[in-house]
Amino acid sequence: MGEEFTFQNVRIVTQAIANVLKRKFPGCGISVVVNYDTRFLSERYAAEAAKILSHNDIGVFLAERDAPSQAQALQIIKRKAQGGLNFTASFNPPEYNGLKYNTETGAPALPAETDEIEAEFRALSKGYDFTPRYPRTDFIRRIDLKDDYLAFLQGKIDFDVIRKSGLKVGVDLLYGTSREYLDEILENNKIPMEEIHGYLDPYFGGIAPSCTEENLAELIKLVPDMGCDLGVATDADGDRFGIVDHRGRFISPNLILSLVLNYLVGVKGWRGGVARSVATTHLVDRIARRYDLPLHRTQVGFKYIAELFLHGLIIFGGEESASIAVRDHLPEKDGILAGLLVAEMVAASGKSLAGLIDDLFKEYGERFGVQKNIPLTSERQRKLRKLVENPPSRLAGRAVLKAEAIEGWKIELADDDWLLLRVSGTEPLIRCYAEAGSRADLESLVAAAEEKLG
């Protein structure tokens, strides 16, 4: 904020979106849902966007207060709006902000749509000037996003099972938009709860509002100290999750996705397609094979999973970045739903989360995974390009069964072991993902990748 993310750039990109919407929906009344998170100036940015849209004769449903991204998606669908603007940088550090655009489906926009907006932005940037100081208030309506979302969510979770189990939940709201959402729905359903960080702090307690093990240190301590059976966290805009077991052990999103999928198809009997991103655990593949479910592999980015969801091709989708989609819900990731599904799963099983993980590994085999960041240099980028163009037939002394240039370079070996190298879209890093059936094989894969990159 203050460098790339400025009020003038917010005005220009909002005008660019307005222009694109007017071309896409000619001759009809256009409306847009505008939302924001708890970051410094997010509410001001949202108000500025509403003003620009109002001067384009576009109706604005402006959130009364900060709200989770998925609550906005529900309003886009309910109000038959033509799009949604959300001022959030999601899980990124407090000095950042961002503008997220959702289409009339409620789903994140695909590249073809964002490319058109970016092209319009570049054209406008050459000489854009906006002079009106005040919004056209007849085009702007303040709305509450919470009540509709909580009512919608109520029917998605078996709260009776959770309540009867006596499960106690630790909740870390990370100073974000899920406050008075996640905690309120638990309270409304009389689920015992211990809550932390349920208040506004634009600095997020001095950390990035991301559900990583490092950032959930207080929740990790709270859960065993307060006798909780489970810990649940959400990020700044509420669409990603973090889970802690009763011993205060952080559970990786890959394991949570696998557990939830196994619960939905194995216990609840769901059937249909399953999707995962190229960087997500192949435990998902093993579960899909076990139940003979169609498996879809996507690029990194929830928008690709949302596209499958909208076409009715999947009942479940997930990414290792703590993103989840399930049938009959929303075409937007939902960290609140994910945490509640985990609570339902634990309650229904009568076991601890640790016990469920043991059961999962007994049935599908233990898996070890890692994500490592490697600083990006021009030389490493050249070597990565060379790997994409000429993949080796062997790596770490093992035969390469498959190599593909998707999101960088991914190779697959026997027993569902794999390695992915991809350039980050937001930082000067090469992201290294790997998974294997033993720690030794995992370490060998990562070491071989680092040797190839130099």
Protein backbone atom coordinates (compact mmCIF):
# COMPACT_ATOMS: atom_id res chain seq x y z
CA MET A 1 0.00 0.00 0.00
CA GLY A 2 1.23 3.47 -0.90
CA GLU A 3 3.41 2.10 -3.73
CA GLU A 4 1.55 -0.10 -6.24
CA PHE A 5 -1.70 -0.13 -4.30
CA THR A 6 -2.89 3.48 -4.25
CA PHE A 7 -6.25 5.25 -4.34
CA GLN A 8 -5.59 6.33 -7.92
CA ASN A 9 -4.91 2.76 -9.01
CA VAL A 10 -8.06 1.64 -7.19
CA ARG A 11 -10.03 4.25 -9.15
CA ILE A 12 -8.53 3.16 -12.47
CA VAL A 13 -9.03 -0.57 -11.96
CA THR A 14 -12.59 0.01 -10.75
CA GLN A 15 -13.29 2.04 -13.88
CA ALA A 16 -11.71 -0.72 -15.95
CA ILE A 17 -14.06 -3.27 -14.35
CA ALA A 18 -17.02 -0.95 -14.97
CA ASN A 19 -16.09 -0.67 -18.65
CA VAL A 20 -15.74 -4.43 -19.01
CA LEU A 21 -19.07 -5.05 -17.27
CA LYS A 22 -20.87 -2.56 -19.52
CA ARG A 23 -19.52 -4.35 -22.59
CA LYS A 24 -20.40 -7.77 -21.17
CA PHE A 25 -23.95 -6.82 -20.08
CA PRO A 26 -25.13 -4.18 -22.57
CA GLY A 27 -28.55 -2.68 -22.12
CA CYS A 28 -29.28 -4.10 -18.68
CA GLY A 29 -29.11 -2.73 -15.17
CA ILE A 30 -25.74 -3.76 -13.74
CA SER A 31 -25.09 -4.30 -10.05
CA VAL A 32 -21.97 -5.25 -8.13
CA VAL A 33 -21.36 -6.46 -4.56
CA VAL A 34 -18.45 -4.60 -2.91
CA ASN A 35 -16.77 -6.08 0.17
CA TYR A 36 -13.57 -5.58 2.16
CA ASP A 37 -11.40 -7.13 4.88
CA THR A 38 -9.97 -5.76 8.14
CA ARG A 39 -6.80 -4.25 6.69
CA PHE A 40 -5.80 -0.63 7.04
CA LEU A 41 -7.84 1.48 4.57
CA SER A 42 -9.77 -1.48 3.10
CA GLU A 43 -13.10 0.15 4.01
CA ARG A 44 -11.98 3.42 2.41
CA TYR A 45 -10.91 1.64 -0.78
CA ALA A 46 -14.30 -0.11 -0.93
CA ALA A 47 -16.12 3.22 -0.53
CA GLU A 48 -14.01 4.75 -3.30
CA ALA A 49 -14.83 1.84 -5.62
CA ALA A 50 -18.53 2.24 -4.82
CA LYS A 51 -18.30 5.92 -5.73
CA ILE A 52 -16.67 5.16 -9.10
CA LEU A 53 -19.25 2.49 -9.90
CA SER A 54 -22.12 4.81 -8.95
CA HIS A 55 -20.92 7.39 -11.46
CA ASN A 56 -21.08 4.64 -14.10
CA ASP A 57 -24.78 4.04 -13.34
CA ILE A 58 -23.87 0.72 -11.74
CA GLY A 59 -25.78 -0.32 -8.65
CA VAL A 60 -23.64 -1.16 -5.64
CA PHE A 61 -24.43 -3.49 -2.76
CA LEU A 62 -21.80 -2.26 -0.28
CA ALA A 63 -21.01 -4.42 2.75
CA GLU A 64 -21.98 -2.81 6.07
CA ARG A 65 -18.77 -4.19 7.62
CA ASP A 66 -15.84 -6.37 6.64
CA ALA A 67 -16.95 -9.87 5.70
CA PRO A 68 -15.50 -13.21 4.55
CA SER A 69 -15.00 -13.68 0.81
CA GLN A 70 -17.44 -16.58 0.69
CA ALA A 71 -20.20 -14.45 2.28
CA GLN A 72 -19.74 -12.01 -0.59
CA ALA A 73 -19.97 -14.86 -3.13
CA LEU A 74 -23.33 -15.85 -1.64
CA GLN A 75 -24.64 -12.28 -2.03
CA ILE A 76 -23.55 -12.12 -5.69
CA ILE A 77 -25.60 -15.26 -6.35
CA LYS A 78 -28.58 -14.25 -4.19
CA ARG A 79 -28.89 -10.75 -5.63
CA LYS A 80 -28.12 -11.85 -9.23
CA ALA A 81 -25.35 -9.26 -9.37
CA GLN A 82 -23.05 -9.08 -12.38
CA GLY A 83 -19.88 -9.21 -10.29
CA GLY A 84 -18.13 -8.59 -7.00
CA LEU A 85 -15.17 -6.49 -5.85
CA ASN A 86 -13.42 -7.48 -2.64
CA PHE A 87 -10.64 -5.38 -1.11
CA THR A 88 -8.41 -7.96 0.53
CA ALA A 89 -4.86 -9.28 0.33
CA SER A 90 -6.07 -12.53 1.89
CA PHE A 91 -3.28 -14.15 3.93
CA ASN A 92 -0.52 -11.69 2.93
CA PRO A 93 1.27 -9.40 5.42
CA PRO A 94 -0.51 -6.25 6.69
CA GLU A 95 1.43 -3.83 4.47
CA TYR A 96 -0.26 -5.33 1.39
CA ASN A 97 -3.74 -4.93 0.00
CA GLY A 98 -5.41 -6.28 -3.10
CA LEU A 99 -8.56 -6.28 -5.20
CA LYS A 100 -10.24 -9.60 -5.88
CA TYR A 101 -12.81 -9.82 -8.67
CA ASN A 102 -15.61 -12.40 -8.75
CA THR A 103 -17.91 -12.95 -11.71
CA GLU A 104 -21.70 -13.14 -11.80
CA THR A 105 -21.43 -16.83 -10.81
CA GLY A 106 -19.87 -15.88 -7.46
CA ALA A 107 -16.65 -17.62 -8.50
CA PRO A 108 -13.18 -16.06 -8.82
CA ALA A 109 -12.58 -14.72 -12.32
CA LEU A 110 -10.63 -16.86 -14.78
CA PRO A 111 -7.54 -15.49 -16.59
CA ALA A 112 -9.48 -14.54 -19.75
CA GLU A 113 -11.61 -12.17 -17.68
CA THR A 114 -8.80 -10.70 -15.58
CA ASP A 115 -6.67 -10.28 -18.72
CA GLU A 116 -9.42 -8.15 -20.24
CA ILE A 117 -9.61 -6.01 -17.09
CA GLU A 118 -5.83 -5.59 -17.05
CA ALA A 119 -5.80 -4.53 -20.70
CA GLU A 120 -8.51 -1.98 -19.95
CA PHE A 121 -6.51 -0.78 -16.92
CA ARG A 122 -3.40 -0.24 -19.07
CA ALA A 123 -5.39 1.74 -21.62
CA LEU A 124 -7.00 3.94 -18.96
CA SER A 125 -3.72 4.54 -17.12
CA LYS A 126 -2.46 6.71 -19.96
CA GLY A 127 -4.74 9.58 -18.99
CA TYR A 128 -7.42 8.72 -16.48
CA ASP A 129 -8.89 11.56 -14.45
CA PHE A 130 -11.83 11.33 -12.04
CA THR A 131 -13.22 14.59 -10.69
CA PRO A 132 -16.56 13.98 -8.84
CA ARG A 133 -15.94 14.11 -5.10
CA TYR A 134 -19.13 12.52 -3.87
CA PRO A 135 -20.89 9.23 -4.61
CA ARG A 136 -24.30 9.01 -6.21
CA THR A 137 -26.04 7.60 -3.17
CA ASP A 138 -29.13 6.48 -5.09
CA PHE A 139 -26.93 3.81 -6.69
CA ILE A 140 -25.43 2.57 -3.41
CA ARG A 141 -27.15 0.34 -0.88
CA ARG A 142 -25.57 -0.89 2.34
CA ILE A 143 -26.19 -4.59 3.05
CA ASP A 144 -25.52 -7.11 5.80
CA LEU A 145 -23.70 -10.23 4.60
CA LYS A 146 -23.67 -12.20 7.85
CA ASP A 147 -27.23 -13.36 8.45
CA ASP A 148 -27.70 -14.87 4.99
CA TYR A 149 -24.35 -16.63 5.13
CA LEU A 150 -24.85 -18.12 8.61
CA ALA A 151 -28.33 -19.31 7.65
CA PHE A 152 -26.92 -20.86 4.47
CA LEU A 153 -24.13 -22.55 6.41
CA GLN A 154 -26.44 -23.88 9.11
CA GLY A 155 -27.82 -26.56 6.80
CA LYS A 156 -24.40 -27.73 5.63
CA ILE A 157 -23.12 -29.04 8.97
CA ASP A 158 -24.54 -31.63 11.40
CA PHE A 159 -24.38 -29.48 14.51
CA ASP A 160 -26.42 -32.03 16.48
CA VAL A 161 -23.61 -34.57 16.11
CA ILE A 162 -21.02 -32.00 17.24
CA ARG A 163 -23.10 -30.87 20.22
CA LYS A 164 -23.93 -34.41 21.42
CA SER A 165 -20.27 -35.43 21.24
CA GLY A 166 -19.32 -32.77 23.79
CA LEU A 167 -16.58 -31.52 21.46
CA LYS A 168 -14.87 -28.34 22.62
CA VAL A 169 -13.35 -26.15 19.92
CA GLY A 170 -10.53 -23.62 20.13
CA VAL A 171 -11.00 -20.81 17.62
CA ASP A 172 -8.37 -18.37 16.31
CA LEU A 173 -10.00 -15.64 14.23
CA LEU A 174 -6.63 -13.98 13.44
CA TYR A 175 -8.17 -10.48 13.71
CA GLY A 176 -9.96 -11.15 10.43
CA THR A 177 -13.40 -11.15 8.86
CA SER A 178 -14.54 -14.45 10.45
CA ARG A 179 -15.12 -12.82 13.82
CA GLU A 180 -18.82 -12.94 14.71
CA TYR A 181 -19.18 -15.52 11.94
CA LEU A 182 -17.31 -18.70 12.98
CA ASP A 183 -17.59 -18.00 16.70
CA GLU A 184 -21.23 -16.92 16.42
CA ILE A 185 -22.40 -20.03 14.58
CA LEU A 186 -20.71 -22.21 17.20
CA GLU A 187 -22.33 -20.22 20.01
CA ASN A 188 -25.74 -20.33 18.31
CA ASN A 189 -25.45 -24.12 18.19
CA LYS A 190 -24.25 -24.36 21.81
CA ILE A 191 -20.84 -25.79 20.91
CA PRO A 192 -18.30 -25.18 23.74
CA MET A 193 -15.59 -22.85 22.49
CA GLU A 194 -12.48 -20.90 23.47
CA GLU A 195 -11.82 -17.91 21.22
CA ILE A 196 -8.78 -15.71 20.60
CA HIS A 197 -8.04 -12.71 18.36
CA GLY A 198 -11.70 -11.94 17.72
CA TYR A 199 -11.23 -8.18 17.40
CA LEU A 200 -9.96 -5.69 14.84
CA ASP A 201 -6.23 -5.14 14.46
CA PRO A 202 -5.06 -3.93 11.01
CA TYR A 203 -1.54 -5.11 11.93
CA PHE A 204 -2.79 -8.65 12.70
CA GLY A 205 -0.83 -8.87 15.91
CA GLY A 206 2.42 -8.28 14.05
CA ILE A 207 2.16 -11.39 11.85
CA ALA A 208 0.78 -12.25 8.43
CA PRO A 209 -2.88 -13.34 8.83
CA SER A 210 -2.09 -16.75 7.35
CA CYS A 211 -3.01 -20.10 8.95
CA THR A 212 0.53 -21.47 9.08
CA GLU A 213 2.01 -23.37 12.01
CA GLU A 214 4.19 -20.40 12.91
CA ASN A 215 1.29 -17.92 12.92
CA LEU A 216 -0.97 -20.21 14.97
CA ALA A 217 1.44 -20.50 17.90
CA GLU A 218 -1.13 -19.09 20.36
CA LEU A 219 -3.84 -21.47 19.16
CA ILE A 220 -1.39 -24.38 19.39
CA LYS A 221 -0.85 -23.48 23.06
CA LEU A 222 -4.51 -22.68 23.78
CA VAL A 223 -5.97 -26.01 22.62
CA PRO A 224 -4.24 -28.33 25.13
CA ASP A 225 -4.13 -25.70 27.88
CA MET A 226 -7.92 -25.19 27.75
CA GLY A 227 -8.79 -28.84 27.18
CA CYS A 228 -10.07 -28.34 23.64
CA ASP A 229 -10.53 -31.31 21.34
CA LEU A 230 -9.71 -29.34 18.23
CA GLY A 231 -8.40 -25.98 17.09
CA VAL A 232 -9.76 -24.10 14.05
CA ALA A 233 -8.40 -20.92 12.47
CA THR A 234 -9.26 -18.82 9.43
CA ASP A 235 -7.18 -16.24 7.56
CA ALA A 236 -7.88 -12.51 7.08
CA ASP A 237 -10.71 -12.92 4.56
CA GLY A 238 -12.01 -16.17 6.04
CA ASP A 239 -11.57 -18.37 3.00
CA ARG A 240 -8.61 -20.48 4.17
CA PHE A 241 -8.34 -22.74 7.21
CA GLY A 242 -5.83 -23.94 9.79
CA ILE A 243 -6.37 -26.98 12.02
CA VAL A 244 -4.74 -28.04 15.31
CA ASP A 245 -5.35 -31.38 17.06
CA HIS A 246 -6.09 -31.90 20.77
CA ARG A 247 -2.38 -32.17 21.59
CA GLY A 248 -1.62 -28.81 20.00
CA ARG A 249 -0.14 -30.33 16.86
CA PHE A 250 -0.61 -28.38 13.62
CA ILE A 251 -2.12 -30.58 10.92
CA SER A 252 -1.13 -29.85 7.33
CA PRO A 253 -3.86 -28.74 4.92
CA ASN A 254 -3.02 -31.71 2.68
CA LEU A 255 -3.90 -34.11 5.49
CA ILE A 256 -7.10 -32.21 6.31
CA LEU A 257 -8.23 -32.32 2.68
CA SER A 258 -7.60 -36.08 2.58
CA LEU A 259 -9.42 -36.68 5.85
CA VAL A 260 -12.46 -34.62 4.84
CA LEU A 261 -12.67 -36.29 1.42
CA ASN A 262 -12.43 -39.74 3.01
CA TYR A 263 -15.18 -38.77 5.47
CA LEU A 264 -17.52 -37.42 2.81
CA VAL A 265 -17.21 -40.43 0.50
CA GLY A 266 -16.50 -43.17 3.04
CA VAL A 267 -18.89 -42.22 5.85
CA LYS A 268 -21.50 -39.95 4.24
CA GLY A 269 -21.55 -41.89 0.98
CA TRP A 270 -21.03 -38.99 -1.44
CA ARG A 271 -20.18 -39.93 -5.04
CA GLY A 272 -18.91 -37.80 -7.89
CA GLY A 273 -15.83 -36.14 -9.29
CA VAL A 274 -12.87 -35.01 -7.18
CA ALA A 275 -10.41 -32.23 -8.00
CA ARG A 276 -7.01 -31.24 -6.69
CA SER A 277 -4.38 -28.80 -7.88
CA VAL A 278 -1.08 -30.00 -9.28
CA ALA A 279 0.63 -29.03 -5.98
CA THR A 280 -1.75 -30.99 -3.73
CA THR A 281 -1.22 -34.38 -2.07
CA HIS A 282 -1.72 -37.56 -4.08
CA LEU A 283 -3.50 -39.05 -1.09
CA VAL A 284 -6.52 -37.50 -2.80
CA ASP A 285 -5.75 -39.71 -5.81
CA ARG A 286 -5.59 -42.82 -3.66
CA ILE A 287 -8.96 -42.07 -2.07
CA ALA A 288 -10.49 -41.36 -5.48
CA ARG A 289 -9.15 -44.68 -6.79
CA ARG A 290 -10.44 -46.54 -3.75
CA TYR A 291 -14.01 -45.34 -4.43
CA ASP A 292 -13.71 -45.27 -8.23
CA LEU A 293 -14.28 -41.51 -8.42
CA PRO A 294 -13.29 -39.37 -11.44
CA LEU A 295 -10.18 -37.32 -10.62
CA HIS A 296 -9.50 -33.87 -12.09
CA ARG A 297 -6.05 -32.29 -11.84
CA THR A 298 -5.91 -28.50 -12.15
CA GLN A 299 -3.42 -25.69 -12.28
CA VAL A 300 -2.65 -23.88 -9.03
CA GLY A 301 -5.47 -21.46 -8.30
CA PHE A 302 -8.89 -22.07 -6.80
CA LYS A 303 -10.57 -20.50 -9.83
CA TYR A 304 -9.87 -23.66 -11.81
CA ILE A 305 -11.52 -25.84 -9.17
CA ALA A 306 -14.44 -23.40 -9.04
CA GLU A 307 -14.90 -23.81 -12.80
CA LEU A 308 -15.29 -27.57 -12.39
CA PHE A 309 -17.70 -26.96 -9.52
CA LEU A 310 -19.86 -24.66 -11.65
CA HIS A 311 -20.09 -27.30 -14.38
CA GLY A 312 -21.25 -29.91 -11.86
CA LEU A 313 -18.19 -32.07 -12.43
CA ILE A 314 -17.03 -32.39 -8.82
CA ILE A 315 -18.37 -33.01 -5.34
CA PHE A 316 -15.06 -32.08 -3.71
CA GLY A 317 -12.05 -29.96 -4.61
CA GLY A 318 -9.02 -28.78 -2.68
CA GLU A 319 -5.62 -27.14 -2.80
CA GLU A 320 -2.64 -27.54 -0.49
CA SER A 321 -2.95 -23.81 0.28
CA ALA A 322 -5.87 -24.65 2.62
CA SER A 323 -8.64 -24.17 0.07
CA ILE A 324 -11.71 -26.40 -0.15
CA ALA A 325 -14.93 -26.71 -2.16
CA VAL A 326 -17.77 -29.17 -1.59
CA ARG A 327 -21.01 -29.87 -3.44
CA ASP A 328 -24.14 -27.80 -2.85
CA HIS A 329 -22.09 -24.99 -1.32
CA LEU A 330 -20.41 -22.04 -3.07
CA PRO A 331 -17.98 -21.64 -5.99
CA GLU A 332 -15.58 -19.96 -3.58
CA LYS A 333 -13.20 -21.40 -1.01
CA ASP A 334 -14.52 -21.37 2.55
CA GLY A 335 -12.31 -21.69 5.63
CA ILE A 336 -15.27 -21.51 8.02
CA LEU A 337 -17.00 -24.44 6.33
CA ALA A 338 -13.73 -26.42 6.30
CA GLY A 339 -13.22 -25.98 10.05
CA LEU A 340 -16.80 -26.97 10.82
CA LEU A 341 -16.56 -30.05 8.57
CA VAL A 342 -13.49 -31.15 10.52
CA ALA A 343 -15.38 -30.67 13.79
CA GLU A 344 -18.30 -32.73 12.45
CA MET A 345 -15.92 -35.45 11.22
CA VAL A 346 -14.17 -35.73 14.59
CA ALA A 347 -17.47 -35.70 16.49
CA ALA A 348 -19.08 -38.33 14.24
CA SER A 349 -16.09 -40.67 14.51
CA GLY A 350 -15.80 -40.61 18.30
CA LYS A 351 -12.04 -40.46 17.77
CA SER A 352 -9.43 -37.75 18.08
CA LEU A 353 -8.07 -36.09 14.97
CA ALA A 354 -4.78 -37.89 15.63
CA GLY A 355 -6.66 -41.20 15.69
CA LEU A 356 -8.33 -40.41 12.38
CA ILE A 357 -4.94 -39.66 10.82
CA ASP A 358 -3.61 -43.02 12.04
CA ASP A 359 -6.62 -44.72 10.45
CA LEU A 360 -6.08 -42.84 7.19
CA PHE A 361 -2.45 -43.94 6.98
CA LYS A 362 -3.34 -47.55 7.78
CA GLU A 363 -5.79 -47.59 4.90
CA TYR A 364 -3.89 -45.56 2.30
CA GLY A 365 -0.27 -45.58 3.43
CA GLU A 366 1.70 -42.89 5.25
CA ARG A 367 2.79 -39.90 3.22
CA PHE A 368 5.45 -37.27 3.88
CA GLY A 369 5.35 -33.89 2.17
CA VAL A 370 7.21 -30.60 2.12
CA GLN A 371 7.04 -27.17 0.55
CA LYS A 372 10.32 -25.28 0.33
CA ASN A 373 11.08 -21.84 -1.08
CA ILE A 374 14.22 -21.42 -3.19
CA PRO A 375 15.34 -17.85 -4.03
CA LEU A 376 14.80 -17.11 -7.71
CA THR A 377 17.77 -16.00 -9.81
CA SER A 378 18.08 -15.63 -13.58
CA GLU A 379 20.38 -18.66 -13.63
CA ARG A 380 17.93 -20.81 -11.69
CA GLN A 381 15.11 -19.65 -13.95
CA ARG A 382 17.18 -20.71 -16.96
CA LYS A 383 17.86 -24.13 -15.42
CA LEU A 384 14.20 -24.60 -14.59
CA ARG A 385 13.29 -23.79 -18.20
CA LYS A 386 15.82 -26.37 -19.34
CA LEU A 387 14.26 -29.00 -17.06
CA VAL A 388 10.84 -28.24 -18.56
CA GLU A 389 12.18 -28.58 -22.10
CA ASN A 390 14.37 -31.66 -21.46
CA PRO A 391 13.15 -33.61 -18.42
CA PRO A 392 15.54 -36.30 -17.12
CA SER A 393 14.55 -39.97 -17.29
CA ARG A 394 15.75 -40.49 -13.73
CA LEU A 395 15.81 -38.40 -10.55
CA ALA A 396 17.29 -39.28 -7.17
CA GLY A 397 18.19 -42.68 -8.60
CA ARG A 398 14.59 -43.47 -9.54
CA ALA A 399 12.82 -43.77 -12.86
CA VAL A 400 10.67 -40.80 -13.89
CA LEU A 401 7.28 -42.19 -14.93
CA LYS A 402 5.78 -38.90 -16.02
CA ALA A 403 6.98 -35.35 -16.58
CA GLU A 404 4.73 -32.44 -17.44
CA ALA A 405 5.09 -28.71 -17.87
CA ILE A 406 2.14 -27.55 -15.78
CA GLU A 407 2.71 -24.66 -13.40
CA GLY A 408 6.45 -25.17 -13.96
CA TRP A 409 7.91 -28.67 -13.88
CA LYS A 410 6.34 -31.69 -12.27
CA ILE A 411 7.62 -35.26 -12.29
CA GLU A 412 5.91 -38.36 -10.99
CA LEU A 413 7.62 -41.54 -9.81
CA ALA A 414 6.40 -44.92 -8.59
CA ASP A 415 4.15 -45.23 -5.53
CA ASP A 416 2.57 -41.77 -6.00
CA ASP A 417 5.82 -39.97 -5.17
CA TRP A 418 6.26 -36.64 -6.96
CA LEU A 419 8.12 -33.33 -7.20
CA LEU A 420 6.97 -29.94 -8.46
CA LEU A 421 9.04 -26.81 -9.13
CA ARG A 422 7.18 -23.63 -10.01
CA VAL A 423 7.97 -19.92 -10.04
CA SER A 424 5.86 -17.98 -7.53
CA GLY A 425 3.40 -15.54 -9.02
CA THR A 426 3.84 -13.06 -6.16
CA GLU A 427 7.44 -13.33 -4.90
CA PRO A 428 10.94 -13.86 -6.41
CA LEU A 429 10.94 -17.53 -5.40
CA ILE A 430 10.87 -21.00 -6.88
CA ARG A 431 8.42 -23.07 -4.89
CA CYS A 432 9.49 -26.66 -4.42
CA TYR A 433 6.78 -29.17 -3.49
CA ALA A 434 7.47 -32.86 -2.94
CA GLU A 435 5.74 -35.90 -1.51
CA ALA A 436 6.96 -39.45 -0.84
CA GLY A 437 6.19 -42.54 1.17
CA SER A 438 9.22 -42.13 3.43
CA ARG A 439 11.23 -39.26 4.84
CA ALA A 440 14.37 -40.59 3.20
CA ASP A 441 12.78 -40.60 -0.27
CA LEU A 442 11.37 -37.13 0.36
CA GLU A 443 14.76 -35.74 1.32
CA SER A 444 16.36 -37.37 -1.72
CA LEU A 445 13.83 -35.78 -4.06
CA VAL A 446 14.31 -32.28 -2.61
CA ALA A 447 18.11 -32.65 -2.63
CA ALA A 448 18.03 -33.75 -6.28
CA ALA A 449 15.85 -30.76 -7.19
CA GLU A 450 18.19 -28.34 -5.45
CA GLU A 451 21.14 -29.89 -7.23
CA LYS A 452 19.41 -29.45 -10.60
CA LEU A 453 18.74 -25.78 -9.88
CA GLY A 454 22.20 -25.12 -8.47
